[in-house]
Amino acid sequence: MSAVGPLTGFTVAVTAVRRRGELGAALERRGARVVYAPAMRIVAPADDIELHGATKRSLAWSIEVFIATTAVGLRAWLDAASGWGLGEPLLAQLRAATVIAQGPKSFAALRGAGIEVAWTPPSDSASEVLGRLLSEDLSGRRIAVLTHGVPLADLVQTLREAGADVLELSTYRWLPPEDTEPVTRLIAAIEARRVDAVTFTSAPGAAGFLHALRLAPDTVLDALRGELVVAAVGPVAAAPLQALDIPVFQPSRPRLAALVRELSEHIPARRGQTVVAAGHRIEVRGHLVVMDGVEVAMAPGAMSLLRVLLRHPGRVVPRATLRSALSGEDDDEHAIESAVARLRLTLGDSRIVQTVVERGYRLAYEPEHVGPCAHDPTRG
C-alpha cells in the first residue's frame, strides 16, 4: 500500500507553462491529483517574428537610450539576434547607447555581453528608472525598452507623453494557448466542484485564465471567491486575481518549493474534513476518503451522502435531505436505503452510519476522540 501523502485525495490545477512539470511533479509527490490547464503560451525569442521585426527596426532607428528590465530576456534576445545574422550590429548599437539596467541581474547580463551600464536604480524599480529619465529633456530621444513577456505600458506611455520616441522589444511574449480545451475543462471542473485548488505562477497566466473565464457562469467566480483554494507563487501573479476580489493564498517566500510546501498544509485545512465515528478516524479529502490511514475509493453517490452527513455530525439527517444529494438517481425511499447500504459497505463498518427509525440517518460521531489536529466537520 502506498503512503498517504498530505495532498492525497485532493485535485490541484496547474496553469503554468514554464516549470509546469516541476510544479506538477512536486504536488504529485505529496499525493495530489494534478490537472494541467495552461492559460497561455510562450513565444521563444528565436521563433518570434514580431521581435525579429522590432530588432531590425531598432538597427535602422539607432537607439539612443536602452532600458533592460530582464536578464534572461536580454541573453535570449542577443542569442536570437545572432541566429538572425544581426548579432554584431546589435551589440555595436547597444554599446554606443546610454544603457540603463533596471536591476542587478540585468546589470550583470549587460556587463557579461560587454555592454557598459550608465545607471541602475538602487531598488530594482521601474518607477525609479522613469524618474531618472523624466529629470531630463526627452523630446525626440529614441528609447528602446526590453521587457520579459509583460509590457510596461505605464512606463512606455509616460515616456511618450514626455516627447520620447519609444520602441518596445518584448522577449518571451505570452499569447493565448493554441489549445483552449484544457482550460475550458478546468473551468467546467471548478463549476462542478471537482477541483480543490488552482495554482498560478505568473501574472500573464492569471490574466489568461481570467480572460477564458469571461463567458463562464457566475457560479465559477463564486467558487473562486469561496471554498476553492486559489494560490499564486507571489504578489505579481496574484494581482490580476485580487483585482476581481478573489482571495489568493501566497507562500511566505515567492518560490515554487515554498508554494508546494505550504499548500500541503493549507489545502487539507481548507478542503479536508475529519471525524471519528464508531471508533474509526475518517478523513474526507476531495475525491476519496482516508479511513484509519487507508485510502478508500468512493462512488460519487456514496461520497455525496457522506458529505451531507458530515455537515451535521452526530445529528439526525432527514431522508429528504439525503435524497437531494442523489442527483441523477431515483429519489424514492428504496433508493435512499440502497445508497446508504452502499455507503456502509464501502466504509466497511455498518455502525458508522446509524439508522434512526422513521426519521433518517446519523453518523456515530465521537467528537471527544477526534483530537486537536482534526478539522471541524461543521464547516461544511
Protein backbone atom coordinates (compact mmCIF):
# COMPACT_ATOMS: atom_id res chain seq x y z
CA MET A 1 0.00 0.00 0.00
CA SER A 2 1.39 3.40 -0.96
CA ALA A 3 1.86 6.01 1.76
CA VAL A 4 -0.87 8.58 2.19
CA GLY A 5 0.60 12.00 1.42
CA PRO A 6 -0.62 15.34 2.75
CA LEU A 7 -2.36 16.07 -0.57
CA THR A 8 -3.67 12.55 -1.24
CA GLY A 9 -7.26 12.78 -2.46
CA PHE A 10 -7.09 16.44 -3.47
CA THR A 11 -7.15 17.72 -7.06
CA VAL A 12 -4.86 20.65 -7.87
CA ALA A 13 -4.83 22.52 -11.18
CA VAL A 14 -1.55 23.83 -12.63
CA THR A 15 -1.99 26.72 -15.09
CA ALA A 16 1.73 27.33 -15.62
CA VAL A 17 3.64 26.80 -18.86
CA ARG A 18 7.23 27.27 -17.72
CA ARG A 19 8.20 24.86 -14.91
CA ARG A 20 4.79 23.19 -15.11
CA GLY A 21 6.45 19.78 -14.92
CA GLU A 22 8.46 20.75 -11.85
CA LEU A 23 5.41 22.12 -10.03
CA GLY A 24 3.16 19.23 -11.04
CA ALA A 25 5.70 16.59 -10.01
CA ALA A 26 6.21 18.22 -6.61
CA LEU A 27 2.46 18.22 -5.99
CA GLU A 28 2.13 14.60 -7.14
CA ARG A 29 4.91 13.50 -4.78
CA ARG A 30 2.71 14.79 -1.97
CA GLY A 31 -0.20 12.74 -3.25
CA ALA A 32 -2.19 15.30 -5.26
CA ARG A 33 -4.07 14.51 -8.43
CA VAL A 34 -2.76 17.17 -10.84
CA VAL A 35 -4.62 18.54 -13.84
CA TYR A 36 -2.75 20.71 -16.34
CA ALA A 37 -4.56 23.64 -17.92
CA PRO A 38 -2.08 26.14 -19.44
CA ALA A 39 -3.80 29.50 -19.70
CA MET A 40 -1.25 30.96 -22.12
CA ARG A 41 1.72 30.02 -24.29
CA ILE A 42 5.19 31.49 -24.57
CA VAL A 43 6.79 32.58 -27.85
CA ALA A 44 10.53 31.95 -27.63
CA PRO A 45 12.67 34.87 -28.87
CA ALA A 46 14.32 32.87 -31.66
CA ASP A 47 10.89 32.00 -33.08
CA ASP A 48 9.27 35.38 -32.50
CA ILE A 49 8.53 37.11 -35.82
CA GLU A 50 7.46 40.31 -34.05
CA LEU A 51 10.69 40.51 -32.06
CA HIS A 52 12.70 39.87 -35.23
CA GLY A 53 10.95 42.76 -36.93
CA ALA A 54 11.37 45.07 -33.92
CA THR A 55 15.09 44.21 -33.79
CA LYS A 56 15.54 45.18 -37.45
CA ARG A 57 13.66 48.43 -36.80
CA SER A 58 15.93 49.21 -33.84
CA LEU A 59 19.01 48.87 -36.05
CA ALA A 60 17.59 51.21 -38.66
CA TRP A 61 16.36 53.54 -35.94
CA SER A 62 19.66 53.91 -33.99
CA ILE A 63 18.85 53.62 -30.29
CA GLU A 64 20.00 56.46 -28.04
CA VAL A 65 18.80 55.08 -24.69
CA PHE A 66 18.36 51.37 -23.96
CA ILE A 67 16.50 50.09 -20.87
CA ALA A 68 16.96 46.41 -19.96
CA THR A 69 14.38 45.06 -17.50
CA THR A 70 15.23 41.35 -17.87
CA ALA A 71 18.48 39.40 -17.73
CA VAL A 72 17.04 36.17 -19.14
CA GLY A 73 15.29 38.09 -21.92
CA LEU A 74 18.44 40.03 -22.78
CA ARG A 75 20.56 36.92 -23.18
CA ALA A 76 17.87 35.19 -25.25
CA TRP A 77 17.43 38.27 -27.44
CA LEU A 78 21.14 38.56 -28.15
CA ASP A 79 21.30 34.83 -28.96
CA ALA A 80 18.28 35.14 -31.26
CA ALA A 81 19.80 38.19 -32.98
CA SER A 82 22.99 36.21 -33.59
CA GLY A 83 20.93 33.45 -35.20
CA TRP A 84 19.23 36.02 -37.43
CA GLY A 85 22.64 37.37 -38.51
CA LEU A 86 22.06 40.61 -36.57
CA GLY A 87 24.20 39.93 -33.51
CA GLU A 88 27.24 42.09 -34.25
CA PRO A 89 25.39 45.23 -35.44
CA LEU A 90 23.00 44.96 -32.48
CA LEU A 91 25.86 44.74 -29.97
CA ALA A 92 27.60 47.66 -31.63
CA GLN A 93 24.44 49.77 -31.35
CA LEU A 94 23.85 48.90 -27.69
CA ARG A 95 27.48 49.64 -26.80
CA ALA A 96 27.08 53.10 -28.33
CA ALA A 97 23.82 53.85 -26.46
CA THR A 98 23.18 55.13 -22.94
CA VAL A 99 22.22 51.91 -21.16
CA ILE A 100 20.08 51.59 -18.03
CA ALA A 101 19.76 48.25 -16.19
CA GLN A 102 16.62 48.02 -14.06
CA GLY A 103 18.18 45.58 -11.58
CA PRO A 104 21.36 43.73 -10.63
CA LYS A 105 20.60 40.69 -12.81
CA SER A 106 20.13 42.88 -15.89
CA PHE A 107 23.30 44.76 -14.95
CA ALA A 108 25.28 41.52 -14.79
CA ALA A 109 23.87 40.27 -18.10
CA LEU A 110 24.76 43.51 -19.85
CA ARG A 111 28.28 43.55 -18.48
CA GLY A 112 28.66 39.91 -19.49
CA ALA A 113 27.86 40.91 -23.07
CA GLY A 114 30.46 43.66 -22.97
CA ILE A 115 27.88 46.47 -22.72
CA GLU A 116 28.64 49.33 -20.34
CA VAL A 117 25.83 50.35 -18.00
CA ALA A 118 25.35 54.05 -17.36
CA TRP A 119 23.00 53.67 -14.38
CA THR A 120 20.92 51.20 -12.40
CA PRO A 121 18.36 52.07 -9.70
CA PRO A 122 19.20 51.01 -6.13
CA SER A 123 15.78 49.42 -5.58
CA ASP A 124 15.26 47.44 -8.83
CA SER A 125 12.27 49.69 -9.57
CA ALA A 126 10.78 50.71 -12.92
CA SER A 127 9.40 53.85 -11.28
CA GLU A 128 12.92 54.91 -10.32
CA VAL A 129 14.07 54.37 -13.90
CA LEU A 130 11.20 56.54 -15.07
CA GLY A 131 12.01 59.24 -12.52
CA ARG A 132 15.63 59.33 -13.65
CA LEU A 133 14.67 59.71 -17.33
CA LEU A 134 12.00 62.33 -16.67
CA SER A 135 14.61 64.53 -14.98
CA GLU A 136 15.98 65.15 -18.48
CA ASP A 137 14.54 66.62 -21.67
CA LEU A 138 13.25 63.63 -23.62
CA SER A 139 11.95 65.45 -26.68
CA GLY A 140 12.81 63.37 -29.73
CA ARG A 141 15.01 60.93 -27.77
CA ARG A 142 14.96 57.39 -29.21
CA ILE A 143 14.44 54.98 -26.30
CA ALA A 144 14.19 51.18 -26.56
CA VAL A 145 12.69 49.16 -23.69
CA LEU A 146 13.38 45.42 -23.44
CA THR A 147 10.80 43.51 -21.39
CA HIS A 148 10.10 39.90 -20.44
CA GLY A 149 6.59 38.92 -21.50
CA VAL A 150 4.70 41.67 -19.70
CA PRO A 151 4.66 45.08 -21.45
CA LEU A 152 5.48 48.05 -19.21
CA ALA A 153 2.57 50.10 -20.51
CA ASP A 154 2.73 52.85 -17.88
CA LEU A 155 6.46 53.42 -18.35
CA VAL A 156 6.21 53.45 -22.15
CA GLN A 157 3.17 55.74 -22.21
CA THR A 158 4.74 58.21 -19.78
CA LEU A 159 7.95 58.37 -21.83
CA ARG A 160 5.94 59.03 -24.99
CA GLU A 161 3.94 61.77 -23.27
CA ALA A 162 7.28 63.35 -22.32
CA GLY A 163 8.15 63.54 -26.03
CA ALA A 164 10.35 60.47 -26.49
CA ASP A 165 10.11 58.03 -29.38
CA VAL A 166 9.80 54.62 -27.71
CA LEU A 167 10.37 51.19 -29.23
CA GLU A 168 9.17 48.16 -27.21
CA LEU A 169 11.10 44.91 -27.52
CA SER A 170 9.34 42.04 -25.75
CA THR A 171 11.03 38.67 -25.19
CA TYR A 172 9.11 35.54 -24.24
CA ARG A 173 5.79 37.07 -25.18
CA TRP A 174 2.69 35.43 -23.74
CA LEU A 175 -0.21 34.64 -26.04
CA PRO A 176 -3.47 32.69 -25.61
CA PRO A 177 -2.94 28.92 -25.77
CA GLU A 178 -3.33 27.25 -29.15
CA ASP A 179 -5.38 24.51 -27.50
CA THR A 180 -8.05 26.05 -25.25
CA GLU A 181 -9.70 22.74 -24.35
CA PRO A 182 -7.69 22.10 -21.13
CA VAL A 183 -8.59 25.46 -19.59
CA THR A 184 -12.21 25.00 -20.72
CA ARG A 185 -12.29 21.64 -18.94
CA LEU A 186 -10.77 23.22 -15.84
CA ILE A 187 -13.49 25.88 -15.72
CA ALA A 188 -16.14 23.16 -16.01
CA ALA A 189 -14.46 21.19 -13.22
CA ILE A 190 -14.44 24.27 -10.98
CA GLU A 191 -18.14 24.79 -11.63
CA ALA A 192 -18.81 21.12 -10.80
CA ARG A 193 -16.72 21.42 -7.60
CA ARG A 194 -14.30 18.72 -8.78
CA VAL A 195 -11.17 20.81 -8.13
CA ASP A 196 -9.75 21.71 -4.72
CA ALA A 197 -7.09 24.25 -5.71
CA VAL A 198 -5.86 26.24 -8.71
CA THR A 199 -2.27 27.48 -8.87
CA PHE A 200 -0.75 30.41 -10.76
CA THR A 201 2.93 31.21 -11.29
CA SER A 202 2.74 34.37 -13.43
CA ALA A 203 0.58 37.43 -13.97
CA PRO A 204 0.04 36.64 -17.68
CA GLY A 205 -1.09 33.13 -16.73
CA ALA A 206 -3.58 34.54 -14.25
CA ALA A 207 -4.76 37.12 -16.80
CA GLY A 208 -5.12 34.42 -19.47
CA PHE A 209 -7.22 32.28 -17.14
CA LEU A 210 -9.46 35.24 -16.27
CA HIS A 211 -9.84 36.01 -19.98
CA ALA A 212 -11.04 32.43 -20.56
CA LEU A 213 -13.38 32.86 -17.59
CA ARG A 214 -15.21 35.86 -19.04
CA LEU A 215 -18.00 33.74 -20.59
CA ALA A 216 -18.27 31.29 -17.69
CA PRO A 217 -21.29 31.23 -15.35
CA ASP A 218 -21.17 33.38 -12.22
CA THR A 219 -21.03 30.18 -10.17
CA VAL A 220 -17.41 29.67 -11.28
CA LEU A 221 -16.36 33.07 -9.93
CA ASP A 222 -18.35 32.33 -6.78
CA ALA A 223 -16.31 29.14 -6.29
CA LEU A 224 -13.04 31.03 -6.79
CA ARG A 225 -14.13 33.57 -4.20
CA GLY A 226 -15.44 30.92 -1.85
CA GLU A 227 -14.39 27.42 -0.92
CA LEU A 228 -11.78 26.81 -3.63
CA VAL A 229 -8.11 27.40 -2.79
CA VAL A 230 -6.63 29.88 -5.28
CA ALA A 231 -2.86 30.07 -4.90
CA ALA A 232 -0.18 32.24 -6.51
CA VAL A 233 3.58 31.95 -6.16
CA GLY A 234 3.90 35.66 -5.34
CA PRO A 235 2.24 39.09 -5.37
CA VAL A 236 2.79 39.77 -9.08
CA ALA A 237 0.99 36.58 -10.10
CA ALA A 238 -1.73 37.24 -7.52
CA ALA A 239 -2.52 40.82 -8.62
CA PRO A 240 -4.91 40.10 -11.57
CA LEU A 241 -6.93 37.72 -9.37
CA GLN A 242 -7.07 40.08 -6.41
CA ALA A 243 -8.32 42.83 -8.71
CA LEU A 244 -11.50 40.73 -9.06
CA ASP A 245 -11.78 40.26 -5.28
CA ILE A 246 -10.59 36.65 -5.47
CA PRO A 247 -8.78 35.72 -2.24
CA VAL A 248 -5.33 34.38 -3.09
CA PHE A 249 -3.11 32.18 -0.93
CA GLN A 250 0.59 33.08 -1.21
CA PRO A 251 3.59 31.35 0.37
CA SER A 252 5.82 33.15 2.84
CA ARG A 253 8.54 33.28 0.16
CA PRO A 254 7.81 33.66 -3.58
CA ARG A 255 9.30 30.30 -4.54
CA LEU A 256 7.76 27.16 -6.06
CA ALA A 257 9.15 24.98 -3.28
CA ALA A 258 7.59 27.20 -0.64
CA LEU A 259 4.29 27.23 -2.54
CA VAL A 260 4.12 23.41 -2.64
CA ARG A 261 5.24 23.00 0.97
CA GLU A 262 2.72 25.46 2.37
CA LEU A 263 -0.12 24.26 0.14
CA SER A 264 0.45 20.81 1.61
CA GLU A 265 -0.81 22.24 4.90
CA HIS A 266 -3.27 24.81 3.60
CA ILE A 267 -5.33 22.63 1.25
CA PRO A 268 -6.14 19.92 3.83
CA ALA A 269 -7.03 22.60 6.37
CA ARG A 270 -9.36 24.36 3.93
CA ARG A 271 -10.74 21.44 1.95
CA GLY A 272 -10.47 18.42 4.25
CA GLN A 273 -12.87 17.17 6.92
CA THR A 274 -12.09 14.72 9.70
CA VAL A 275 -14.36 12.91 12.15
CA VAL A 276 -14.15 9.93 14.45
CA ALA A 277 -17.23 7.75 14.08
CA ALA A 278 -17.79 4.30 15.63
CA GLY A 279 -14.12 4.22 16.56
CA HIS A 280 -12.83 4.99 13.07
CA ARG A 281 -10.92 8.10 12.01
CA ILE A 282 -12.48 9.22 8.72
CA GLU A 283 -10.85 11.91 6.59
CA VAL A 284 -12.77 13.20 3.58
CA ARG A 285 -10.25 14.51 1.06
CA GLY A 286 -11.59 15.76 -2.24
CA HIS A 287 -12.40 12.69 -4.33
CA LEU A 288 -11.61 9.98 -1.78
CA VAL A 289 -11.73 9.03 1.90
CA VAL A 290 -8.80 8.07 4.11
CA MET A 291 -10.13 5.77 6.83
CA ASP A 292 -7.78 4.80 9.64
CA GLY A 293 -4.86 5.73 7.38
CA VAL A 294 -6.04 3.67 4.40
CA GLU A 295 -7.36 5.12 1.13
CA VAL A 296 -10.97 4.24 0.36
CA ALA A 297 -12.27 4.95 -3.13
CA MET A 298 -15.81 6.30 -3.05
CA ALA A 299 -18.50 6.26 -5.71
CA PRO A 300 -19.97 9.73 -6.35
CA GLY A 301 -23.31 8.89 -4.72
CA ALA A 302 -21.71 7.50 -1.58
CA MET A 303 -19.38 10.49 -1.32
CA SER A 304 -22.33 12.87 -1.66
CA LEU A 305 -24.20 11.14 1.15
CA LEU A 306 -21.15 11.13 3.39
CA ARG A 307 -20.61 14.84 2.84
CA VAL A 308 -24.22 15.58 3.79
CA LEU A 309 -23.89 13.51 6.97
CA LEU A 310 -20.62 15.31 7.77
CA ARG A 311 -22.35 18.66 7.60
CA HIS A 312 -24.50 17.51 10.52
CA PRO A 313 -22.12 15.35 12.61
CA GLY A 314 -23.96 13.33 15.24
CA ARG A 315 -27.33 14.79 14.33
CA VAL A 316 -30.15 13.05 12.52
CA VAL A 317 -30.31 13.92 8.83
CA PRO A 318 -33.82 13.53 7.36
CA ARG A 319 -34.27 11.26 4.38
CA ALA A 320 -35.46 14.21 2.30
CA THR A 321 -32.15 15.99 2.89
CA LEU A 322 -30.18 12.91 1.85
CA ARG A 323 -32.42 12.44 -1.17
CA SER A 324 -31.31 15.85 -2.50
CA ALA A 325 -27.71 14.57 -2.62
CA LEU A 326 -28.59 11.76 -5.01
CA SER A 327 -28.67 13.84 -8.15
CA GLY A 328 -29.34 11.76 -11.24
CA GLU A 329 -30.57 8.78 -9.21
CA ASP A 330 -34.07 7.63 -8.28
CA ASP A 331 -35.19 9.57 -5.25
CA ASP A 332 -37.69 7.11 -3.76
CA GLU A 333 -37.29 5.57 -0.32
CA HIS A 334 -35.76 2.39 -1.69
CA ALA A 335 -33.07 4.41 -3.48
CA ILE A 336 -32.11 6.13 -0.22
CA GLU A 337 -31.88 2.82 1.61
CA SER A 338 -29.80 1.28 -1.19
CA ALA A 339 -27.45 4.28 -1.28
CA VAL A 340 -26.91 4.16 2.49
CA ALA A 341 -26.27 0.41 2.26
CA ARG A 342 -23.62 1.03 -0.43
CA LEU A 343 -22.02 3.72 1.75
CA ARG A 344 -21.86 1.35 4.71
CA LEU A 345 -20.38 -1.39 2.53
CA THR A 346 -17.72 0.97 1.18
CA LEU A 347 -16.75 2.17 4.67
CA GLY A 348 -16.59 -1.45 5.87
CA ASP A 349 -18.41 -0.94 9.18
CA SER A 350 -22.19 -0.63 9.28
CA ARG A 351 -22.02 1.05 12.70
CA ILE A 352 -20.60 4.25 11.20
CA VAL A 353 -23.95 5.29 9.70
CA GLN A 354 -26.81 4.67 12.11
CA THR A 355 -30.49 4.38 11.18
CA VAL A 356 -32.93 6.45 13.22
CA VAL A 357 -36.31 4.81 12.63
CA GLU A 358 -38.86 6.98 10.82
CA ARG A 359 -36.53 9.99 10.98
CA GLY A 360 -33.37 9.42 8.91
CA TYR A 361 -29.69 8.63 9.45
CA ARG A 362 -26.78 9.94 11.53
CA LEU A 363 -23.04 9.48 11.83
CA ALA A 364 -21.95 7.73 15.01
CA TYR A 365 -19.89 10.84 15.75
CA GLU A 366 -17.39 10.82 18.64
CA PRO A 367 -16.06 14.38 18.94
CA GLU A 368 -14.22 13.59 22.16
CA HIS A 369 -11.90 11.25 20.20
CA VAL A 370 -11.05 13.47 17.24
CA GLY A 371 -8.06 15.21 18.79
CA PRO A 372 -6.60 18.71 18.37
CA CYS A 373 -5.34 18.22 14.80
CA ALA A 374 -8.68 17.34 13.26
CA HIS A 375 -10.63 19.72 11.05
CA ASP A 376 -14.00 20.96 12.14
CA PRO A 377 -16.65 18.99 10.18
CA THR A 378 -19.27 21.63 10.87
CA ARG A 379 -17.51 23.99 8.44
CA GLY A 380 -19.40 22.30 5.58
